[in-house]
Amino acid sequence: MKEISKEELKDFKDSEIVDVREKIEFSNYNVGGRNIPAHELNYYIEDLKKEEKLVVVCSNGMRSSIVARVLEKKLATIPIFHLTEGLAL
């Protein structure tokens, strides 16, 4: 897993961004991408396998760090990135 900054996030397409916050958090503020709450991740694994790379984001970097490590194991052939400081305003 590679950690990235908010500046580097601009280099990713919407389909590659996975926002693991809850739906209400995503609706209040987001940077695009897909909203897949952490507890629903297993339902989307097959769909995520279609991407060449993924960046995982959340509000402060805690949830996304955990989810990024899980995705590294479940999607071993896909590069996984983690927005280290989160999306907090």
PDB file of N, CA and C in Angstrom:
ATOM      1  N   MET A   1       0.851  -1.174   0.000  1.00  0.00           N
ATOM      2  CA  MET A   1       0.000   0.000   0.000  1.00  0.00           C
ATOM      3  C   MET A   1       0.897   1.238   0.000  1.00  0.00           C
ATOM      4  N   LYS A   2       0.566   2.156  -0.870  1.00  0.00           N
ATOM      5  CA  LYS A   2       1.307   3.408  -0.939  1.00  0.00           C
ATOM      6  C   LYS A   2       0.426   4.531  -0.398  1.00  0.00           C
ATOM      7  N   GLU A   3       0.975   5.364   0.452  1.00  0.00           N
ATOM      8  CA  GLU A   3       0.230   6.499   0.986  1.00  0.00           C
ATOM      9  C   GLU A   3       0.387   7.686   0.050  1.00  0.00           C
ATOM     10  N   ILE A   4      -0.718   8.406  -0.158  1.00  0.00           N
ATOM     11  CA  ILE A   4      -0.699   9.577  -1.025  1.00  0.00           C
ATOM     12  C   ILE A   4      -1.303  10.773  -0.300  1.00  0.00           C
ATOM     13  N   SER A   5      -1.066  11.951  -0.856  1.00  0.00           N
ATOM     14  CA  SER A   5      -1.600  13.199  -0.300  1.00  0.00           C
ATOM     15  C   SER A   5      -2.831  13.625  -1.094  1.00  0.00           C
ATOM     16  N   LYS A   6      -3.516  14.662  -0.598  1.00  0.00           N
ATOM     17  CA  LYS A   6      -4.674  15.193  -1.323  1.00  0.00           C
ATOM     18  C   LYS A   6      -4.273  15.691  -2.708  1.00  0.00           C
ATOM     19  N   GLU A   7      -3.090  16.260  -2.825  1.00  0.00           N
ATOM     20  CA  GLU A   7      -2.603  16.731  -4.133  1.00  0.00           C
ATOM     21  C   GLU A   7      -2.511  15.575  -5.120  1.00  0.00           C
ATOM     22  N   GLU A   8      -1.994  14.455  -4.680  1.00  0.00           N
ATOM     23  CA  GLU A   8      -1.830  13.286  -5.547  1.00  0.00           C
ATOM     24  C   GLU A   8      -3.164  12.636  -5.907  1.00  0.00           C
ATOM     25  N   LEU A   9      -4.179  12.855  -5.102  1.00  0.00           N
ATOM     26  CA  LEU A   9      -5.496  12.279  -5.356  1.00  0.00           C
ATOM     27  C   LEU A   9      -6.052  12.732  -6.706  1.00  0.00           C
ATOM     28  N   LYS A  10      -5.652  13.900  -7.152  1.00  0.00           N
ATOM     29  CA  LYS A  10      -6.135  14.446  -8.423  1.00  0.00           C
ATOM     30  C   LYS A  10      -5.709  13.596  -9.618  1.00  0.00           C
ATOM     31  N   ASP A  11      -4.720  12.740  -9.438  1.00  0.00           N
ATOM     32  CA  ASP A  11      -4.218  11.901 -10.516  1.00  0.00           C
ATOM     33  C   ASP A  11      -5.061  10.644 -10.738  1.00  0.00           C
ATOM     34  N   PHE A  12      -6.082  10.430  -9.909  1.00  0.00           N
ATOM     35  CA  PHE A  12      -6.914   9.241 -10.006  1.00  0.00           C
ATOM     36  C   PHE A  12      -8.260   9.571 -10.650  1.00  0.00           C
ATOM     37  N   LYS A  13      -8.783   8.608 -11.413  1.00  0.00           N
ATOM     38  CA  LYS A  13     -10.118   8.751 -12.005  1.00  0.00           C
ATOM     39  C   LYS A  13     -11.165   8.439 -10.943  1.00  0.00           C
ATOM     40  N   ASP A  14     -12.397   8.929 -11.169  1.00  0.00           N
ATOM     41  CA  ASP A  14     -13.496   8.657 -10.232  1.00  0.00           C
ATOM     42  C   ASP A  14     -13.665   7.164  -9.949  1.00  0.00           C
ATOM     43  N   SER A  15     -13.567   6.343 -10.973  1.00  0.00           N
ATOM     44  CA  SER A  15     -13.798   4.904 -10.783  1.00  0.00           C
ATOM     45  C   SER A  15     -12.743   4.264  -9.883  1.00  0.00           C
ATOM     46  N   GLU A  16     -11.590   4.901  -9.731  1.00  0.00           N
ATOM     47  CA  GLU A  16     -10.510   4.345  -8.927  1.00  0.00           C
ATOM     48  C   GLU A  16     -10.561   4.782  -7.466  1.00  0.00           C
ATOM     49  N   ILE A  17     -11.398   5.754  -7.150  1.00  0.00           N
ATOM     50  CA  ILE A  17     -11.497   6.270  -5.778  1.00  0.00           C
ATOM     51  C   ILE A  17     -12.602   5.527  -5.040  1.00  0.00           C
ATOM     52  N   VAL A  18     -12.256   4.965  -3.894  1.00  0.00           N
ATOM     53  CA  VAL A  18     -13.223   4.253  -3.049  1.00  0.00           C
ATOM     54  C   VAL A  18     -13.294   4.996  -1.722  1.00  0.00           C
ATOM     55  N   ASP A  19     -14.431   5.632  -1.484  1.00  0.00           N
ATOM     56  CA  ASP A  19     -14.668   6.394  -0.259  1.00  0.00           C
ATOM     57  C   ASP A  19     -15.394   5.477   0.718  1.00  0.00           C
ATOM     58  N   VAL A  20     -14.743   5.109   1.813  1.00  0.00           N
ATOM     59  CA  VAL A  20     -15.296   4.112   2.736  1.00  0.00           C
ATOM     60  C   VAL A  20     -16.078   4.720   3.902  1.00  0.00           C
ATOM     61  N   ARG A  21     -16.388   5.998   3.798  1.00  0.00           N
ATOM     62  CA  ARG A  21     -17.208   6.622   4.845  1.00  0.00           C
ATOM     63  C   ARG A  21     -18.662   6.184   4.704  1.00  0.00           C
ATOM     64  N   GLU A  22     -19.451   6.473   5.717  1.00  0.00           N
ATOM     65  CA  GLU A  22     -20.877   6.167   5.670  1.00  0.00           C
ATOM     66  C   GLU A  22     -21.571   7.063   4.638  1.00  0.00           C
ATOM     67  N   LYS A  23     -22.714   6.635   4.175  1.00  0.00           N
ATOM     68  CA  LYS A  23     -23.429   7.346   3.108  1.00  0.00           C
ATOM     69  C   LYS A  23     -23.740   8.803   3.472  1.00  0.00           C
ATOM     70  N   ILE A  24     -24.101   9.079   4.704  1.00  0.00           N
ATOM     71  CA  ILE A  24     -24.411  10.445   5.115  1.00  0.00           C
ATOM     72  C   ILE A  24     -23.156  11.328   5.061  1.00  0.00           C
ATOM     73  N   GLU A  25     -22.013  10.767   5.451  1.00  0.00           N
ATOM     74  CA  GLU A  25     -20.756  11.521   5.376  1.00  0.00           C
ATOM     75  C   GLU A  25     -20.426  11.843   3.921  1.00  0.00           C
ATOM     76  N   PHE A  26     -20.612  10.856   3.054  1.00  0.00           N
ATOM     77  CA  PHE A  26     -20.332  11.035   1.626  1.00  0.00           C
ATOM     78  C   PHE A  26     -21.248  12.085   1.012  1.00  0.00           C
ATOM     79  N   SER A  27     -22.521  12.070   1.403  1.00  0.00           N
ATOM     80  CA  SER A  27     -23.467  13.033   0.833  1.00  0.00           C
ATOM     81  C   SER A  27     -23.189  14.459   1.320  1.00  0.00           C
ATOM     82  N   ASN A  28     -22.608  14.595   2.507  1.00  0.00           N
ATOM     83  CA  ASN A  28     -22.280  15.920   3.034  1.00  0.00           C
ATOM     84  C   ASN A  28     -21.068  16.544   2.357  1.00  0.00           C
ATOM     85  N   TYR A  29     -20.085  15.708   1.996  1.00  0.00           N
ATOM     86  CA  TYR A  29     -18.881  16.199   1.320  1.00  0.00           C
ATOM     87  C   TYR A  29     -18.170  15.016   0.683  1.00  0.00           C
ATOM     88  N   ASN A  30     -17.810  15.164  -0.591  1.00  0.00           N
ATOM     89  CA  ASN A  30     -17.033  14.118  -1.240  1.00  0.00           C
ATOM     90  C   ASN A  30     -16.169  14.698  -2.342  1.00  0.00           C
ATOM     91  N   VAL A  31     -15.215  13.922  -2.789  1.00  0.00           N
ATOM     92  CA  VAL A  31     -14.310  14.333  -3.861  1.00  0.00           C
ATOM     93  C   VAL A  31     -14.556  13.503  -5.115  1.00  0.00           C
ATOM     94  N   GLY A  32     -15.716  12.865  -5.168  1.00  0.00           N
ATOM     95  CA  GLY A  32     -16.022  11.985  -6.283  1.00  0.00           C
ATOM     96  C   GLY A  32     -15.746  10.547  -5.896  1.00  0.00           C
ATOM     97  N   GLY A  33     -15.702   9.711  -6.880  1.00  0.00           N
ATOM     98  CA  GLY A  33     -15.450   8.304  -6.612  1.00  0.00           C
ATOM     99  C   GLY A  33     -16.701   7.565  -6.185  1.00  0.00           C
ATOM    100  N   ARG A  34     -16.481   6.356  -5.710  1.00  0.00           N
ATOM    101  CA  ARG A  34     -17.574   5.490  -5.276  1.00  0.00           C
ATOM    102  C   ARG A  34     -17.653   5.468  -3.764  1.00  0.00           C
ATOM    103  N   ASN A  35     -18.855   5.520  -3.272  1.00  0.00           N
ATOM    104  CA  ASN A  35     -19.065   5.407  -1.835  1.00  0.00           C
ATOM    105  C   ASN A  35     -19.374   3.951  -1.518  1.00  0.00           C
ATOM    106  N   ILE A  36     -18.430   3.301  -0.867  1.00  0.00           N
ATOM    107  CA  ILE A  36     -18.615   1.925  -0.408  1.00  0.00           C
ATOM    108  C   ILE A  36     -18.263   1.915   1.076  1.00  0.00           C
ATOM    109  N   PRO A  37     -19.276   2.062   1.947  1.00  0.00           N
ATOM    110  CA  PRO A  37     -18.988   2.041   3.384  1.00  0.00           C
ATOM    111  C   PRO A  37     -18.185   0.794   3.759  1.00  0.00           C
ATOM    112  N   ALA A  38     -17.277   0.941   4.681  1.00  0.00           N
ATOM    113  CA  ALA A  38     -16.359  -0.137   5.057  1.00  0.00           C
ATOM    114  C   ALA A  38     -17.076  -1.449   5.353  1.00  0.00           C
ATOM    115  N   HIS A  39     -18.210  -1.383   6.031  1.00  0.00           N
ATOM    116  CA  HIS A  39     -18.916  -2.616   6.396  1.00  0.00           C
ATOM    117  C   HIS A  39     -19.592  -3.293   5.203  1.00  0.00           C
ATOM    118  N   GLU A  40     -19.634  -2.644   4.032  1.00  0.00           N
ATOM    119  CA  GLU A  40     -20.232  -3.232   2.830  1.00  0.00           C
ATOM    120  C   GLU A  40     -19.177  -3.681   1.821  1.00  0.00           C
ATOM    121  N   LEU A  41     -17.923  -3.572   2.161  1.00  0.00           N
ATOM    122  CA  LEU A  41     -16.832  -3.814   1.232  1.00  0.00           C
ATOM    123  C   LEU A  41     -16.904  -5.178   0.534  1.00  0.00           C
ATOM    124  N   ASN A  42     -17.184  -6.223   1.271  1.00  0.00           N
ATOM    125  CA  ASN A  42     -17.195  -7.570   0.689  1.00  0.00           C
ATOM    126  C   ASN A  42     -18.190  -7.716  -0.458  1.00  0.00           C
ATOM    127  N   TYR A  43     -19.248  -6.925  -0.466  1.00  0.00           N
ATOM    128  CA  TYR A  43     -20.247  -7.004  -1.536  1.00  0.00           C
ATOM    129  C   TYR A  43     -19.706  -6.448  -2.859  1.00  0.00           C
ATOM    130  N   TYR A  44     -18.627  -5.690  -2.816  1.00  0.00           N
ATOM    131  CA  TYR A  44     -18.114  -4.998  -4.004  1.00  0.00           C
ATOM    132  C   TYR A  44     -16.764  -5.512  -4.496  1.00  0.00           C
ATOM    133  N   ILE A  45     -16.235  -6.528  -3.886  1.00  0.00           N
ATOM    134  CA  ILE A  45     -14.901  -7.020  -4.248  1.00  0.00           C
ATOM    135  C   ILE A  45     -14.810  -7.391  -5.728  1.00  0.00           C
ATOM    136  N   GLU A  46     -15.798  -8.114  -6.245  1.00  0.00           N
ATOM    137  CA  GLU A  46     -15.746  -8.525  -7.656  1.00  0.00           C
ATOM    138  C   GLU A  46     -15.719  -7.317  -8.581  1.00  0.00           C
ATOM    139  N   ASP A  47     -16.489  -6.303  -8.267  1.00  0.00           N
ATOM    140  CA  ASP A  47     -16.512  -5.090  -9.081  1.00  0.00           C
ATOM    141  C   ASP A  47     -15.172  -4.353  -9.011  1.00  0.00           C
ATOM    142  N   LEU A  48     -14.567  -4.314  -7.843  1.00  0.00           N
ATOM    143  CA  LEU A  48     -13.298  -3.613  -7.662  1.00  0.00           C
ATOM    144  C   LEU A  48     -12.154  -4.306  -8.399  1.00  0.00           C
ATOM    145  N   LYS A  49     -12.277  -5.594  -8.647  1.00  0.00           N
ATOM    146  CA  LYS A  49     -11.243  -6.340  -9.365  1.00  0.00           C
ATOM    147  C   LYS A  49     -11.050  -5.836 -10.787  1.00  0.00           C
ATOM    148  N   LYS A  50     -12.002  -5.088 -11.308  1.00  0.00           N
ATOM    149  CA  LYS A  50     -11.943  -4.590 -12.687  1.00  0.00           C
ATOM    150  C   LYS A  50     -11.023  -3.377 -12.840  1.00  0.00           C
ATOM    151  N   GLU A  51     -10.638  -2.763 -11.742  1.00  0.00           N
ATOM    152  CA  GLU A  51      -9.817  -1.551 -11.798  1.00  0.00           C
ATOM    153  C   GLU A  51      -8.328  -1.891 -11.885  1.00  0.00           C
ATOM    154  N   GLU A  52      -7.567  -0.987 -12.481  1.00  0.00           N
ATOM    155  CA  GLU A  52      -6.115  -1.164 -12.581  1.00  0.00           C
ATOM    156  C   GLU A  52      -5.415  -0.756 -11.288  1.00  0.00           C
ATOM    157  N   LYS A  53      -6.030   0.182 -10.553  1.00  0.00           N
ATOM    158  CA  LYS A  53      -5.491   0.641  -9.279  1.00  0.00           C
ATOM    159  C   LYS A  53      -6.652   1.241  -8.497  1.00  0.00           C
ATOM    160  N   LEU A  54      -6.482   1.326  -7.180  1.00  0.00           N
ATOM    161  CA  LEU A  54      -7.519   1.887  -6.317  1.00  0.00           C
ATOM    162  C   LEU A  54      -6.887   2.790  -5.271  1.00  0.00           C
ATOM    163  N   VAL A  55      -7.595   3.864  -4.947  1.00  0.00           N
ATOM    164  CA  VAL A  55      -7.189   4.703  -3.821  1.00  0.00           C
ATOM    165  C   VAL A  55      -8.353   4.726  -2.838  1.00  0.00           C
ATOM    166  N   VAL A  56      -8.054   4.468  -1.577  1.00  0.00           N
ATOM    167  CA  VAL A  56      -9.070   4.366  -0.533  1.00  0.00           C
ATOM    168  C   VAL A  56      -9.004   5.628   0.321  1.00  0.00           C
ATOM    169  N   VAL A  57     -10.184   6.246   0.539  1.00  0.00           N
ATOM    170  CA  VAL A  57     -10.248   7.490   1.309  1.00  0.00           C
ATOM    171  C   VAL A  57     -11.326   7.400   2.390  1.00  0.00           C
ATOM    172  N   CYS A  58     -11.164   8.201   3.437  1.00  0.00           N
ATOM    173  CA  CYS A  58     -12.180   8.365   4.478  1.00  0.00           C
ATOM    174  C   CYS A  58     -12.010   9.766   5.058  1.00  0.00           C
ATOM    175  N   SER A  59     -12.624  10.043   6.182  1.00  0.00           N
ATOM    176  CA  SER A  59     -12.583  11.397   6.731  1.00  0.00           C
ATOM    177  C   SER A  59     -11.226  11.760   7.330  1.00  0.00           C
ATOM    178  N   ASN A  60     -10.588  10.836   8.048  1.00  0.00           N
ATOM    179  CA  ASN A  60      -9.325  11.191   8.712  1.00  0.00           C
ATOM    180  C   ASN A  60      -8.178  10.223   8.443  1.00  0.00           C
ATOM    181  N   GLY A  61      -8.404   9.211   7.633  1.00  0.00           N
ATOM    182  CA  GLY A  61      -7.356   8.267   7.279  1.00  0.00           C
ATOM    183  C   GLY A  61      -7.344   6.977   8.072  1.00  0.00           C
ATOM    184  N   MET A  62      -8.123   6.881   9.133  1.00  0.00           N
ATOM    185  CA  MET A  62      -8.120   5.677   9.970  1.00  0.00           C
ATOM    186  C   MET A  62      -8.837   4.505   9.282  1.00  0.00           C
ATOM    187  N   ARG A  63     -10.105   4.702   8.924  1.00  0.00           N
ATOM    188  CA  ARG A  63     -10.872   3.628   8.275  1.00  0.00           C
ATOM    189  C   ARG A  63     -10.234   3.219   6.958  1.00  0.00           C
ATOM    190  N   SER A  64      -9.816   4.227   6.184  1.00  0.00           N
ATOM    191  CA  SER A  64      -9.254   3.910   4.873  1.00  0.00           C
ATOM    192  C   SER A  64      -7.939   3.139   4.991  1.00  0.00           C
ATOM    193  N   SER A  65      -7.174   3.375   6.028  1.00  0.00           N
ATOM    194  CA  SER A  65      -5.940   2.626   6.237  1.00  0.00           C
ATOM    195  C   SER A  65      -6.241   1.143   6.465  1.00  0.00           C
ATOM    196  N   ILE A  66      -7.236   0.871   7.279  1.00  0.00           N
ATOM    197  CA  ILE A  66      -7.627  -0.511   7.561  1.00  0.00           C
ATOM    198  C   ILE A  66      -8.168  -1.172   6.302  1.00  0.00           C
ATOM    199  N   VAL A  67      -9.073  -0.481   5.601  1.00  0.00           N
ATOM    200  CA  VAL A  67      -9.674  -1.037   4.391  1.00  0.00           C
ATOM    201  C   VAL A  67      -8.612  -1.249   3.310  1.00  0.00           C
ATOM    202  N   ALA A  68      -7.678  -0.347   3.182  1.00  0.00           N
ATOM    203  CA  ALA A  68      -6.611  -0.498   2.181  1.00  0.00           C
ATOM    204  C   ALA A  68      -5.807  -1.769   2.445  1.00  0.00           C
ATOM    205  N   ARG A  69      -5.524  -2.058   3.702  1.00  0.00           N
ATOM    206  CA  ARG A  69      -4.799  -3.290   4.033  1.00  0.00           C
ATOM    207  C   ARG A  69      -5.621  -4.536   3.712  1.00  0.00           C
ATOM    208  N   VAL A  70      -6.917  -4.467   3.950  1.00  0.00           N
ATOM    209  CA  VAL A  70      -7.807  -5.592   3.606  1.00  0.00           C
ATOM    210  C   VAL A  70      -7.823  -5.788   2.090  1.00  0.00           C
ATOM    211  N   LEU A  71      -7.936  -4.685   1.349  1.00  0.00           N
ATOM    212  CA  LEU A  71      -7.964  -4.777  -0.114  1.00  0.00           C
ATOM    213  C   LEU A  71      -6.654  -5.313  -0.669  1.00  0.00           C
ATOM    214  N   GLU A  72      -5.548  -4.981  -0.054  1.00  0.00           N
ATOM    215  CA  GLU A  72      -4.258  -5.526  -0.503  1.00  0.00           C
ATOM    216  C   GLU A  72      -4.264  -7.050  -0.455  1.00  0.00           C
ATOM    217  N   LYS A  73      -4.912  -7.609   0.532  1.00  0.00           N
ATOM    218  CA  LYS A  73      -4.979  -9.066   0.651  1.00  0.00           C
ATOM    219  C   LYS A  73      -5.985  -9.669  -0.318  1.00  0.00           C
ATOM    220  N   LYS A  74      -7.136  -9.014  -0.462  1.00  0.00           N
ATOM    221  CA  LYS A  74      -8.201  -9.557  -1.312  1.00  0.00           C
ATOM    222  C   LYS A  74      -7.960  -9.306  -2.799  1.00  0.00           C
ATOM    223  N   LEU A  75      -7.227  -8.237  -3.122  1.00  0.00           N
ATOM    224  CA  LEU A  75      -6.954  -7.852  -4.505  1.00  0.00           C
ATOM    225  C   LEU A  75      -5.446  -7.744  -4.702  1.00  0.00           C
ATOM    226  N   ALA A  76      -4.762  -8.821  -4.474  1.00  0.00           N
ATOM    227  CA  ALA A  76      -3.294  -8.811  -4.417  1.00  0.00           C
ATOM    228  C   ALA A  76      -2.611  -8.302  -5.682  1.00  0.00           C
ATOM    229  N   THR A  77      -3.265  -8.367  -6.829  1.00  0.00           N
ATOM    230  CA  THR A  77      -2.617  -7.945  -8.078  1.00  0.00           C
ATOM    231  C   THR A  77      -2.876  -6.485  -8.436  1.00  0.00           C
ATOM    232  N   ILE A  78      -3.685  -5.798  -7.645  1.00  0.00           N
ATOM    233  CA  ILE A  78      -4.038  -4.405  -7.939  1.00  0.00           C
ATOM    234  C   ILE A  78      -3.305  -3.469  -6.967  1.00  0.00           C
ATOM    235  N   PRO A  79      -2.622  -2.458  -7.494  1.00  0.00           N
ATOM    236  CA  PRO A  79      -1.978  -1.484  -6.593  1.00  0.00           C
ATOM    237  C   PRO A  79      -3.031  -0.733  -5.771  1.00  0.00           C
ATOM    238  N   ILE A  80      -2.814  -0.670  -4.478  1.00  0.00           N
ATOM    239  CA  ILE A  80      -3.736  -0.003  -3.561  1.00  0.00           C
ATOM    240  C   ILE A  80      -3.025   1.216  -2.975  1.00  0.00           C
ATOM    241  N   PHE A  81      -3.726   2.354  -3.005  1.00  0.00           N
ATOM    242  CA  PHE A  81      -3.217   3.608  -2.464  1.00  0.00           C
ATOM    243  C   PHE A  81      -4.134   4.057  -1.331  1.00  0.00           C
ATOM    244  N   HIS A  82      -3.586   4.832  -0.427  1.00  0.00           N
ATOM    245  CA  HIS A  82      -4.332   5.282   0.751  1.00  0.00           C
ATOM    246  C   HIS A  82      -4.120   6.776   0.932  1.00  0.00           C
ATOM    247  N   LEU A  83      -5.234   7.530   1.024  1.00  0.00           N
ATOM    248  CA  LEU A  83      -5.139   8.958   1.287  1.00  0.00           C
ATOM    249  C   LEU A  83      -4.821   9.147   2.753  1.00  0.00           C
ATOM    250  N   THR A  84      -3.583   9.442   3.040  1.00  0.00           N
ATOM    251  CA  THR A  84      -3.068   9.392   4.402  1.00  0.00           C
ATOM    252  C   THR A  84      -3.741  10.370   5.361  1.00  0.00           C
ATOM    253  N   GLU A  85      -4.006  11.610   4.949  1.00  0.00           N
ATOM    254  CA  GLU A  85      -4.575  12.584   5.896  1.00  0.00           C
ATOM    255  C   GLU A  85      -6.097  12.618   5.887  1.00  0.00           C
ATOM    256  N   GLY A  86      -6.728  11.867   5.021  1.00  0.00           N
ATOM    257  CA  GLY A  86      -8.187  11.853   4.956  1.00  0.00           C
ATOM    258  C   GLY A  86      -8.760  13.099   4.298  1.00  0.00           C
ATOM    259  N   LEU A  87     -10.084  13.137   4.243  1.00  0.00           N
ATOM    260  CA  LEU A  87     -10.804  14.210   3.563  1.00  0.00           C
ATOM    261  C   LEU A  87     -11.253  15.330   4.492  1.00  0.00           C
ATOM    262  N   ALA A  88     -10.918  15.255   5.773  1.00  0.00           N
ATOM    263  CA  ALA A  88     -11.364  16.252   6.734  1.00  0.00           C
ATOM    264  C   ALA A  88     -11.114  17.653   6.223  1.00  0.00           C
ATOM    265  N   LEU A  89     -12.106  18.506   6.419  1.00  0.00           N
ATOM    266  CA  LEU A  89     -11.999  19.893   5.938  1.00  0.00           C
ATOM    267  C   LEU A  89     -11.185  20.743   6.883  1.00  0.00           C
TER     268      LEU A  89
END
